[in-house]
Amino acid sequence: MNIALLGYGRMGKMIDSYAKKRKHKIAFILDKDYQKGSLSQAEIAINFSVPEAAVSNIKLALKNKIPVVCGTTGWLDKMTEIQKVCLENDSAFLHASNFSIGVNIFFKVNKYLTKLMHKHGSNYKASINEIHHTKKLDSPSGTAIRLAEDIIRNSEYRKWKLGKQNNDCLQIESSRNGDNPGTHSVNYLSKVDEISIKHEAFKRDGFALGAIIAAEWLIDKKGIFSMDDVLKI
């Protein structure tokens, strides 16, 4: 397939490399002050731009009826608007806070554990901890927010707060450290013990490969999708 890369930072370059290994072609590259190729030649777009450019990049592709796979977070207050543009242009859109297959399994484990704790863990306080590299722009990460939202939907918590916690507020601790690709843990602490689940990425390759797998799945489809659809989990 012919791919448009919208955003050509570290993730964009890694996706470029993995796409070519899987015999795909890069038809178009768009980044700040840089453009190469022709968008009209692209069959699908993968967006890993900075948050400020995400909405305009996604709209550009969708209005040209090019399906979009997007991994950028930090712009999700515009999600309803993007979904509307997608449907109006009879195209397809798939967003994931994290394309790692391991992380998407981790999401499922988190949901299951949350339901168990809601039934049996009234003495436990939940919290989330995430660590990323110092160049990551949004904090907390989109992955941490997804974990928090899944907990909130299945618990007595009503919202999440960065670095704060009370009876109805779920605490997220967010750190930026070196070149860490991403570590997320969900913790349940009581006076007598602690239950924790953790996902640690050793390198970014899983994110890039997952995005390409999602693009391969999305091509020729219409509508709004998630990684749950791709992985059937």
Protein backbone atom coordinates (compact mmCIF):
# COMPACT_ATOMS: atom_id res chain seq x y z
CA MET A 1 0.00 0.00 0.00
CA ASN A 2 1.04 3.62 -0.55
CA ILE A 3 1.32 5.49 2.75
CA ALA A 4 1.21 9.19 3.64
CA LEU A 5 3.25 9.95 6.75
CA LEU A 6 1.82 12.98 8.55
CA GLY A 7 4.53 13.92 11.01
CA TYR A 8 8.11 12.81 10.47
CA GLY A 9 9.73 12.82 13.88
CA ARG A 10 11.17 9.76 15.57
CA MET A 11 7.97 7.73 15.21
CA GLY A 12 7.41 8.83 11.62
CA LYS A 13 10.91 7.75 10.64
CA MET A 14 10.51 4.43 12.42
CA ILE A 15 7.19 3.78 10.67
CA ASP A 16 8.91 4.64 7.37
CA SER A 17 11.53 1.96 8.05
CA TYR A 18 9.05 -0.73 9.12
CA ALA A 19 6.68 0.05 6.24
CA LYS A 20 9.44 -0.56 3.71
CA LYS A 21 10.38 -3.83 5.44
CA ARG A 22 6.78 -4.94 4.89
CA LYS A 23 7.01 -3.97 1.18
CA HIS A 24 4.90 -0.80 1.43
CA LYS A 25 5.76 2.52 -0.23
CA ILE A 26 5.89 6.02 1.26
CA ALA A 27 3.96 8.22 -1.19
CA PHE A 28 3.90 11.43 0.83
CA ILE A 29 5.63 12.96 3.86
CA LEU A 30 4.37 16.07 5.64
CA ASP A 31 6.18 17.67 8.56
CA LYS A 32 6.86 21.17 9.81
CA ASP A 33 8.74 23.02 7.03
CA TYR A 34 9.09 19.78 5.06
CA GLN A 35 7.01 18.10 2.38
CA LYS A 36 7.84 15.32 -0.06
CA GLY A 37 5.84 13.35 -2.59
CA SER A 38 2.15 13.57 -3.50
CA LEU A 39 -0.79 13.11 -1.12
CA SER A 40 -2.99 12.13 -4.06
CA GLN A 41 -0.90 8.97 -4.50
CA ALA A 42 -1.53 7.78 -0.94
CA GLU A 43 -4.01 5.02 -0.14
CA ILE A 44 -3.82 5.55 3.63
CA ALA A 45 -2.32 8.07 6.06
CA ILE A 46 -0.53 7.49 9.36
CA ASN A 47 -0.42 10.52 11.64
CA PHE A 48 2.20 10.84 14.38
CA SER A 49 2.55 14.62 14.24
CA VAL A 50 2.81 17.01 17.19
CA PRO A 51 -0.61 17.59 18.85
CA GLU A 52 -0.89 21.10 17.41
CA ALA A 53 -0.77 19.78 13.84
CA ALA A 54 -2.85 16.64 14.34
CA VAL A 55 -6.34 18.00 13.64
CA SER A 56 -5.38 19.83 10.44
CA ASN A 57 -3.35 16.83 9.20
CA ILE A 58 -6.20 14.39 9.85
CA LYS A 59 -8.75 16.66 8.15
CA LEU A 60 -6.45 17.09 5.15
CA ALA A 61 -6.37 13.35 4.56
CA LEU A 62 -10.03 12.63 5.35
CA LYS A 63 -11.26 15.39 3.03
CA ASN A 64 -9.26 13.67 0.28
CA LYS A 65 -11.03 10.42 1.24
CA ILE A 66 -7.80 8.91 2.54
CA PRO A 67 -8.28 6.71 5.65
CA VAL A 68 -6.27 7.82 8.68
CA VAL A 69 -4.51 5.89 11.42
CA CYS A 70 -3.58 8.30 14.22
CA GLY A 71 -1.34 7.78 17.23
CA THR A 72 -0.98 11.40 18.33
CA THR A 73 -2.55 12.30 21.68
CA GLY A 74 -3.08 15.70 23.26
CA TRP A 75 -5.82 16.80 20.81
CA LEU A 76 -8.69 14.49 21.76
CA ASP A 77 -11.08 17.31 22.72
CA LYS A 78 -11.59 17.56 18.92
CA MET A 79 -12.41 13.86 18.47
CA THR A 80 -16.14 14.41 17.80
CA GLU A 81 -15.26 16.97 15.12
CA ILE A 82 -12.83 14.56 13.44
CA GLN A 83 -15.31 11.70 13.52
CA LYS A 84 -17.89 13.95 11.86
CA VAL A 85 -15.44 14.90 9.09
CA CYS A 86 -14.62 11.23 8.58
CA LEU A 87 -18.25 10.19 8.16
CA GLU A 88 -19.13 13.19 5.98
CA ASN A 89 -16.35 12.21 3.57
CA ASP A 90 -17.20 8.49 3.59
CA SER A 91 -13.72 7.64 4.83
CA ALA A 92 -12.22 5.72 7.76
CA PHE A 93 -10.49 6.79 10.97
CA LEU A 94 -8.71 4.78 13.64
CA HIS A 95 -7.16 6.38 16.71
CA ALA A 96 -5.21 4.62 19.43
CA SER A 97 -3.40 6.10 22.41
CA ASN A 98 -0.96 3.22 21.98
CA PHE A 99 -0.50 0.80 19.05
CA SER A 100 1.57 -1.75 20.94
CA ILE A 101 -0.14 -5.14 20.91
CA GLY A 102 1.13 -5.70 24.46
CA VAL A 103 -0.40 -2.44 25.68
CA ASN A 104 -3.76 -3.25 24.12
CA ILE A 105 -3.77 -6.58 25.95
CA PHE A 106 -2.77 -4.60 29.08
CA PHE A 107 -5.89 -2.44 28.59
CA LYS A 108 -8.04 -5.57 28.68
CA VAL A 109 -6.31 -6.86 31.82
CA ASN A 110 -6.83 -3.45 33.46
CA LYS A 111 -10.57 -3.54 32.70
CA TYR A 112 -10.92 -7.03 34.14
CA LEU A 113 -8.94 -6.21 37.28
CA THR A 114 -10.97 -3.03 37.81
CA LYS A 115 -14.23 -4.99 37.75
CA LEU A 116 -12.85 -7.48 40.27
CA MET A 117 -11.66 -4.70 42.57
CA HIS A 118 -14.98 -2.90 42.34
CA LYS A 119 -16.73 -6.05 43.61
CA HIS A 120 -14.22 -7.16 46.21
CA GLY A 121 -11.67 -4.42 46.83
CA SER A 122 -13.47 -1.71 48.80
CA ASN A 123 -10.42 -1.21 51.06
CA TYR A 124 -8.04 -0.56 48.15
CA LYS A 125 -7.08 2.80 46.66
CA ALA A 126 -6.22 2.80 42.96
CA SER A 127 -3.49 4.86 41.31
CA ILE A 128 -1.67 5.00 37.97
CA ASN A 129 2.00 5.72 37.36
CA GLU A 130 3.51 6.45 33.95
CA ILE A 131 7.06 7.23 32.82
CA HIS A 132 8.07 8.49 29.36
CA HIS A 133 11.03 10.10 27.64
CA THR A 134 11.73 13.79 28.21
CA LYS A 135 10.65 14.76 24.67
CA LYS A 136 7.06 13.56 25.12
CA LEU A 137 4.88 16.67 24.94
CA ASP A 138 1.67 15.61 26.71
CA SER A 139 1.38 14.67 30.36
CA PRO A 140 -0.18 12.40 31.47
CA SER A 141 0.17 10.14 28.46
CA GLY A 142 -2.80 9.10 26.37
CA THR A 143 -2.20 5.54 27.53
CA ALA A 144 -2.46 6.58 31.18
CA ILE A 145 -5.66 8.49 30.46
CA ARG A 146 -7.16 5.45 28.71
CA LEU A 147 -6.28 3.29 31.74
CA ALA A 148 -7.83 5.88 34.05
CA GLU A 149 -11.03 6.18 32.00
CA ASP A 150 -11.49 2.41 32.03
CA ILE A 151 -11.08 2.38 35.82
CA ILE A 152 -13.51 5.26 36.26
CA ARG A 153 -16.17 3.51 34.17
CA ASN A 154 -16.00 0.49 36.47
CA SER A 155 -15.47 2.03 39.91
CA GLU A 156 -16.59 4.71 42.35
CA TYR A 157 -14.03 7.20 41.03
CA ARG A 158 -15.58 10.10 39.14
CA LYS A 159 -12.50 11.71 37.55
CA TRP A 160 -8.72 11.54 37.47
CA LYS A 161 -6.22 14.12 38.65
CA LEU A 162 -2.52 14.50 37.97
CA GLY A 163 -0.67 13.98 41.24
CA LYS A 164 -3.80 14.29 43.41
CA GLN A 165 -6.18 11.84 45.00
CA ASN A 166 -9.27 11.84 47.19
CA ASN A 167 -12.25 9.55 47.62
CA ASP A 168 -13.73 10.20 44.16
CA CYS A 169 -10.55 11.24 42.32
CA LEU A 170 -8.09 8.77 40.76
CA GLN A 171 -4.43 9.73 41.06
CA ILE A 172 -2.08 9.70 38.06
CA GLU A 173 1.64 10.23 38.64
CA SER A 174 3.48 11.27 35.47
CA SER A 175 7.29 11.39 35.08
CA ARG A 176 9.60 12.28 32.19
CA ASN A 177 12.91 10.49 32.38
CA GLY A 178 15.71 10.04 29.83
CA ASP A 179 14.75 8.08 26.72
CA ASN A 180 12.13 5.81 28.36
CA PRO A 181 9.77 4.53 25.60
CA GLY A 182 6.92 4.10 28.07
CA THR A 183 6.19 2.37 31.38
CA HIS A 184 2.68 2.19 32.85
CA SER A 185 1.53 0.62 36.09
CA VAL A 186 -1.86 0.37 37.78
CA ASN A 187 -1.72 -0.08 41.55
CA TYR A 188 -4.27 -1.00 44.21
CA LEU A 189 -3.03 -0.29 47.74
CA SER A 190 -4.62 -1.33 51.04
CA LYS A 191 -3.33 -1.33 54.63
CA VAL A 192 -2.25 -4.95 54.31
CA ASP A 193 -1.07 -5.46 50.72
CA GLU A 194 -0.77 -4.10 47.18
CA ILE A 195 -1.84 -5.42 43.79
CA SER A 196 -0.03 -4.06 40.71
CA ILE A 197 -0.05 -4.68 36.98
CA LYS A 198 2.61 -3.19 34.71
CA HIS A 199 3.54 -2.81 31.08
CA GLU A 200 7.06 -1.69 30.17
CA ALA A 201 8.14 -0.98 26.60
CA PHE A 202 11.83 -1.66 25.93
CA LYS A 203 11.85 0.22 22.61
CA ARG A 204 9.44 2.02 20.27
CA ASP A 205 9.42 -0.64 17.58
CA GLY A 206 6.18 -2.16 18.87
CA PHE A 207 4.36 1.14 18.45
CA ALA A 208 5.53 1.55 14.84
CA LEU A 209 4.75 -2.01 13.86
CA GLY A 210 1.32 -1.84 15.49
CA ALA A 211 0.48 1.34 13.56
CA ILE A 212 1.38 -0.36 10.25
CA ILE A 213 -0.67 -3.44 11.16
CA ALA A 214 -3.59 -1.10 11.90
CA ALA A 215 -3.13 0.65 8.54
CA GLU A 216 -3.05 -2.69 6.70
CA TRP A 217 -6.34 -3.61 8.41
CA LEU A 218 -8.04 -0.22 7.87
CA ILE A 219 -7.44 0.18 4.16
CA ASP A 220 -10.68 -0.12 2.10
CA LYS A 221 -12.86 0.17 5.23
CA LYS A 222 -15.35 2.94 6.10
CA GLY A 223 -16.20 4.26 9.55
CA ILE A 224 -14.68 4.81 13.01
CA PHE A 225 -12.52 2.06 14.51
CA SER A 226 -10.12 1.22 17.34
CA MET A 227 -7.34 -1.27 18.00
CA ASP A 228 -9.94 -3.55 19.59
CA ASP A 229 -11.36 -4.00 16.08
CA VAL A 230 -7.93 -4.68 14.60
CA LEU A 231 -6.84 -7.21 17.23
CA LYS A 232 -10.33 -8.67 17.91
CA ILE A 233 -9.82 -8.50 21.67
